[in-house]
Amino acid sequence: MSVDLDWSKLDVNLADSVLTILNNYLAGMPRPDFIGPISVTSLDFGTMAPNMELIDVKDVNPEFLQNDEFPETTMERLSPKQLDARYQHLPFHVRQGPDEFGAPPPPSPKADWTSDLERKEAASPSSLWPPLQLHFHLAYHSDLRLTMTTSLLINYPSPLFLSLPIKLHLTSMQLNAEVIIAFDSMMGKRRLHFCLVEESDPSMMHPSPSAEHLGALPTPEKPPPVGMRMLPQIVIESEIGDADKHALKNVSRVERFIQDAIRNLIVDELVFPNFQTIVFDY
């Protein structure tokens, strides 16, 4: 079932909030010694809304519900062994393979969570949200515009010998993933949890016919990182120097660094088991 999004509702206030998040992330990110501090100066969400299709409705993943002690927006990272247990509560087609994490997962906390949830909901007002988890297919070919500034540092013959201003423009981006949005009510508050999950590739589950015919085991190719698979295309244009004078454009090394930074941001903040929680006060 397709979902219509009113993209025009994304206003300047939201853009300013996103700019703050991006700048905080970039300020703490390691940089190569030839790139100076990075600042995001403007953001335009564009006019092209993502295509979203509802594909499943499920019980809320216990991983979201176990963070009721955190009253504000939160993110949690888990070890691979913990992640394997959490994935058992997601649809089969988004779980990882059984051998990926080695050791068997620990016992599921589902029973403890269920009884705890029932006790809390029994004492909650009727205005609280019922627990619900929605899964969407997301295809986003955006015309989002993002402007960043930084500098190219020349550290020879001495540190910071020369600094050249750089302006970078993100002009388009492609994002393909499964979106999980979960609603629950805990401790008198309504909460929304949001994360991304990579969609599985059925072609990677079976060997190629040619390999089977030859009786040889296929040699698996190392897949690209999850950020590259979810964000296969990020178009960035760069410009070094003063635009009114001579400027060097499209510096690939700097552009690749920014592309990697954007992919890492999405993976670190939004790809399960990392997620964001928004708390709504009454």
Protein backbone atom coordinates (compact mmCIF):
# COMPACT_ATOMS: atom_id res chain seq x y z
CA MET A 1 0.00 0.00 0.00
CA SER A 2 1.51 3.32 -1.10
CA VAL A 3 1.85 6.18 1.37
CA ASP A 4 1.51 9.81 0.29
CA LEU A 5 3.87 12.28 1.98
CA ASP A 6 3.26 16.03 2.02
CA TRP A 7 6.87 17.08 1.45
CA SER A 8 5.94 20.76 1.63
CA LYS A 9 5.46 20.41 5.40
CA LEU A 10 9.25 20.21 5.85
CA ASP A 11 9.90 23.80 6.89
CA VAL A 12 12.84 26.01 7.77
CA ASN A 13 12.70 25.08 11.47
CA LEU A 14 13.18 21.40 10.64
CA ALA A 15 16.01 22.27 8.24
CA ASP A 16 17.75 24.23 11.02
CA SER A 17 17.42 21.27 13.39
CA VAL A 18 18.92 18.92 10.80
CA LEU A 19 21.77 21.38 10.20
CA THR A 20 22.56 21.34 13.93
CA ILE A 21 22.64 17.52 13.98
CA LEU A 22 24.88 17.38 10.91
CA ASN A 23 27.32 19.97 12.22
CA ASN A 24 27.56 18.25 15.60
CA TYR A 25 28.33 14.95 13.88
CA LEU A 26 30.91 16.47 11.51
CA ALA A 27 32.63 18.32 14.37
CA GLY A 28 33.42 15.04 16.12
CA MET A 29 34.33 13.05 13.02
CA PRO A 30 38.00 12.28 12.30
CA ARG A 31 39.30 14.08 9.21
CA PRO A 32 42.35 13.53 7.04
CA ASP A 33 45.07 16.09 7.65
CA PHE A 34 44.45 17.78 4.30
CA ILE A 35 40.83 18.76 5.12
CA GLY A 36 39.92 21.50 7.60
CA PRO A 37 36.79 21.78 9.77
CA ILE A 38 33.56 21.11 7.88
CA SER A 39 30.43 23.22 8.30
CA VAL A 40 26.99 22.67 6.74
CA THR A 41 25.61 26.11 5.89
CA SER A 42 22.31 25.47 4.09
CA LEU A 43 19.76 22.72 3.49
CA ASP A 44 16.84 22.53 1.08
CA PHE A 45 14.72 19.38 1.20
CA GLY A 46 13.73 19.82 -2.45
CA THR A 47 10.37 18.94 -3.98
CA MET A 48 10.71 15.20 -4.65
CA ALA A 49 9.17 13.16 -1.82
CA PRO A 50 10.31 9.57 -1.17
CA ASN A 51 8.23 6.69 -2.47
CA MET A 52 7.02 4.70 0.53
CA GLU A 53 5.01 1.50 0.51
CA LEU A 54 3.61 -0.21 3.60
CA ILE A 55 4.75 -3.85 3.54
CA ASP A 56 4.17 -5.20 7.06
CA VAL A 57 2.59 -4.52 10.45
CA LYS A 58 4.13 -6.26 13.48
CA ASP A 59 4.50 -6.24 17.23
CA VAL A 60 7.02 -3.71 18.50
CA ASN A 61 10.59 -5.01 18.58
CA PRO A 62 11.64 -5.54 22.24
CA GLU A 63 14.85 -3.64 21.52
CA PHE A 64 12.83 -0.41 21.28
CA LEU A 65 10.87 -1.14 24.45
CA GLN A 66 13.93 -1.93 26.56
CA ASN A 67 15.08 1.68 26.32
CA ASP A 68 12.24 3.13 28.40
CA GLU A 69 14.77 4.44 30.94
CA PHE A 70 15.96 7.01 28.37
CA PRO A 71 13.57 9.99 28.31
CA GLU A 72 15.04 11.71 25.27
CA THR A 73 16.08 10.93 21.73
CA THR A 74 18.52 8.04 21.98
CA MET A 75 20.65 5.65 20.00
CA GLU A 76 22.17 2.37 21.14
CA ARG A 77 24.88 0.25 19.59
CA LEU A 78 25.01 -3.48 20.26
CA SER A 79 27.67 -6.13 19.96
CA PRO A 80 27.26 -8.70 17.15
CA LYS A 81 26.07 -11.39 19.61
CA GLN A 82 23.43 -9.05 21.01
CA LEU A 83 22.44 -7.99 17.50
CA ASP A 84 21.76 -11.60 16.49
CA ALA A 85 19.21 -11.96 19.28
CA ARG A 86 17.53 -8.66 18.39
CA TYR A 87 17.19 -9.60 14.72
CA GLN A 88 15.07 -12.63 15.61
CA HIS A 89 12.17 -10.23 16.20
CA LEU A 90 12.46 -8.70 12.73
CA PRO A 91 10.95 -10.20 9.56
CA PHE A 92 12.84 -13.16 8.15
CA HIS A 93 13.84 -11.33 5.00
CA VAL A 94 15.76 -8.66 6.94
CA ARG A 95 17.66 -11.01 9.27
CA GLN A 96 21.30 -11.78 8.73
CA GLY A 97 22.55 -15.26 7.92
CA PRO A 98 22.86 -17.77 10.78
CA ASP A 99 26.66 -18.02 10.67
CA GLU A 100 27.45 -14.32 10.48
CA PHE A 101 27.95 -13.76 14.18
CA GLY A 102 29.30 -17.17 15.20
CA ALA A 103 27.94 -17.98 18.65
CA PRO A 104 24.24 -18.76 19.17
CA PRO A 105 22.08 -15.85 20.38
CA PRO A 106 21.20 -15.51 24.07
CA PRO A 107 17.66 -16.36 25.21
CA SER A 108 15.02 -13.95 23.96
CA PRO A 109 13.75 -11.38 26.48
CA LYS A 110 10.34 -11.40 24.84
CA ALA A 111 8.50 -13.10 27.71
CA ASP A 112 9.82 -10.67 30.31
CA TRP A 113 9.06 -7.73 28.04
CA THR A 114 5.51 -8.90 27.38
CA SER A 115 4.55 -9.18 31.05
CA ASP A 116 6.20 -5.85 31.83
CA LEU A 117 4.42 -4.15 28.95
CA GLU A 118 1.05 -5.53 30.08
CA ARG A 119 1.58 -4.17 33.59
CA LYS A 120 2.51 -0.74 32.31
CA GLU A 121 -0.34 -0.53 29.84
CA ALA A 122 -2.86 -1.58 32.50
CA ALA A 123 -1.84 1.45 34.54
CA SER A 124 -1.63 3.84 31.58
CA PRO A 125 -4.33 6.32 30.52
CA SER A 126 -6.43 5.53 27.48
CA SER A 127 -4.72 8.31 25.52
CA LEU A 128 -1.48 6.32 25.26
CA TRP A 129 -0.57 4.80 21.92
CA PRO A 130 -1.12 1.07 21.47
CA PRO A 131 2.17 -0.68 20.59
CA LEU A 132 2.49 -0.93 16.83
CA GLN A 133 5.39 -1.38 14.40
CA LEU A 134 5.14 -0.50 10.71
CA HIS A 135 7.53 -1.59 7.97
CA PHE A 136 7.85 0.43 4.77
CA HIS A 137 9.80 0.02 1.56
CA LEU A 138 11.58 3.31 0.86
CA ALA A 139 12.88 4.46 -2.52
CA TYR A 140 14.20 8.00 -2.38
CA HIS A 141 15.67 9.65 -5.46
CA SER A 142 16.01 13.13 -4.03
CA ASP A 143 16.67 16.60 -5.33
CA LEU A 144 17.79 17.63 -1.85
CA ARG A 145 20.33 20.47 -1.78
CA LEU A 146 23.02 20.70 0.86
CA THR A 147 25.85 23.23 0.98
CA MET A 148 29.04 22.68 2.99
CA THR A 149 32.22 24.67 3.48
CA THR A 150 35.67 23.48 4.48
CA SER A 151 39.27 24.08 3.45
CA LEU A 152 42.07 22.23 1.73
CA LEU A 153 45.14 22.33 3.96
CA ILE A 154 48.69 22.30 2.61
CA ASN A 155 50.99 21.20 5.42
CA TYR A 156 54.29 21.50 3.55
CA PRO A 157 56.89 22.90 4.18
CA SER A 158 55.23 23.58 7.57
CA PRO A 159 51.87 22.76 9.18
CA LEU A 160 48.99 24.85 7.82
CA PHE A 161 51.36 26.48 5.34
CA LEU A 162 48.43 27.13 2.98
CA SER A 163 44.64 26.93 3.34
CA LEU A 164 42.32 26.98 0.33
CA PRO A 165 38.56 27.47 0.86
CA ILE A 166 36.30 24.72 -0.47
CA LYS A 167 32.56 24.89 -1.11
CA LEU A 168 30.68 21.63 -1.67
CA HIS A 169 27.14 21.18 -2.97
CA LEU A 170 25.19 17.95 -2.56
CA THR A 171 22.76 18.02 -5.48
CA SER A 172 21.09 14.59 -5.45
CA MET A 173 21.01 11.36 -3.48
CA GLN A 174 19.54 7.88 -3.84
CA LEU A 175 18.42 5.89 -0.79
CA ASN A 176 16.93 2.38 -0.90
CA ALA A 177 16.05 0.68 2.38
CA GLU A 178 13.32 -0.68 4.60
CA VAL A 179 12.03 1.83 7.13
CA ILE A 180 10.80 0.67 10.54
CA ILE A 181 8.58 3.04 12.54
CA ALA A 182 7.41 1.80 15.94
CA PHE A 183 4.95 3.45 18.31
CA ASP A 184 4.66 2.69 22.01
CA SER A 185 3.65 4.28 25.30
CA MET A 186 5.90 3.94 28.32
CA MET A 187 5.96 5.66 31.72
CA GLY A 188 3.18 8.06 30.76
CA LYS A 189 4.82 9.18 27.50
CA ARG A 190 4.21 8.44 23.85
CA ARG A 191 7.30 7.44 21.87
CA LEU A 192 8.15 6.98 18.23
CA HIS A 193 11.14 4.85 17.23
CA PHE A 194 12.70 5.09 13.79
CA CYS A 195 15.42 3.10 12.03
CA LEU A 196 16.48 1.67 8.67
CA VAL A 197 17.09 -1.95 7.72
CA GLU A 198 18.81 -3.13 4.58
CA GLU A 199 16.58 -5.01 2.17
CA SER A 200 17.88 -8.48 1.36
CA ASP A 201 19.09 -9.43 -2.09
CA PRO A 202 17.53 -12.80 -3.10
CA SER A 203 20.18 -13.32 -5.77
CA MET A 204 22.84 -13.69 -3.04
CA MET A 205 21.03 -16.60 -1.41
CA HIS A 206 21.70 -19.13 -4.20
CA PRO A 207 24.82 -20.11 -6.17
CA SER A 208 24.99 -19.25 -9.83
CA PRO A 209 23.76 -21.89 -12.31
CA SER A 210 27.12 -22.01 -14.07
CA ALA A 211 28.92 -22.88 -10.83
CA GLU A 212 26.44 -25.65 -10.04
CA HIS A 213 26.79 -27.08 -13.54
CA LEU A 214 30.55 -27.21 -13.21
CA GLY A 215 30.31 -28.83 -9.78
CA ALA A 216 32.49 -26.13 -8.22
CA LEU A 217 31.66 -23.99 -5.24
CA PRO A 218 31.18 -20.35 -6.22
CA THR A 219 33.66 -17.87 -4.83
CA PRO A 220 31.63 -15.28 -2.91
CA GLU A 221 32.42 -11.70 -3.77
CA LYS A 222 32.89 -9.31 -0.89
CA PRO A 223 29.81 -7.06 -0.86
CA PRO A 224 30.23 -3.30 -0.60
CA PRO A 225 29.67 -1.70 2.82
CA VAL A 226 26.08 -1.34 3.99
CA GLY A 227 26.25 2.43 3.56
CA MET A 228 27.18 2.01 -0.08
CA ARG A 229 24.38 -0.50 -0.64
CA MET A 230 21.74 1.73 0.95
CA LEU A 231 23.08 4.95 -0.58
CA PRO A 232 24.44 3.87 -3.97
CA GLN A 233 24.49 7.41 -5.34
CA ILE A 234 25.48 10.70 -3.73
CA VAL A 235 26.25 13.51 -6.17
CA ILE A 236 28.56 16.22 -4.81
CA GLU A 237 30.06 19.14 -6.68
CA SER A 238 33.10 20.86 -5.20
CA GLU A 239 34.80 24.16 -5.85
CA ILE A 240 38.18 25.26 -4.48
CA GLY A 241 39.10 28.92 -4.41
CA ASP A 242 37.21 32.15 -5.02
CA ALA A 243 34.33 31.82 -7.47
CA ASP A 244 34.96 35.40 -8.67
CA LYS A 245 38.51 34.48 -9.59
CA HIS A 246 40.14 31.26 -10.73
CA ALA A 247 38.53 28.24 -9.06
CA LEU A 248 39.31 24.54 -9.26
CA LYS A 249 36.14 22.46 -9.56
CA ASN A 250 35.19 18.83 -8.90
CA VAL A 251 38.04 17.71 -6.64
CA SER A 252 37.28 13.98 -6.44
CA ARG A 253 39.30 13.19 -3.31
CA VAL A 254 37.42 15.72 -1.20
CA GLU A 255 34.08 14.70 -2.70
CA ARG A 256 34.69 11.03 -1.87
CA PHE A 257 35.48 11.92 1.74
CA ILE A 258 32.17 13.81 2.11
CA GLN A 259 30.27 10.96 0.45
CA ASP A 260 31.77 8.50 2.93
CA ALA A 261 30.94 10.85 5.82
CA ILE A 262 27.27 11.00 4.78
CA ARG A 263 27.04 7.21 4.47
CA ASN A 264 28.72 6.73 7.86
CA LEU A 265 26.29 9.20 9.44
CA ILE A 266 23.26 7.25 8.16
CA VAL A 267 24.70 3.91 9.30
CA ASP A 268 25.85 5.17 12.73
CA GLU A 269 22.60 6.94 13.56
CA LEU A 270 19.81 5.06 11.79
CA VAL A 271 20.71 1.55 10.61
CA PHE A 272 19.49 -1.16 13.04
CA PRO A 273 20.53 -1.87 15.77
CA ASN A 274 21.05 1.90 15.92
CA PHE A 275 17.83 3.88 16.03
CA GLN A 276 16.34 7.21 17.06
CA THR A 277 13.55 7.71 19.60
CA ILE A 278 11.30 10.77 19.76
CA VAL A 279 9.35 11.34 22.99
CA PHE A 280 6.03 13.19 22.83
CA ASP A 281 4.86 14.95 26.00
CA TYR A 282 1.17 15.27 26.80
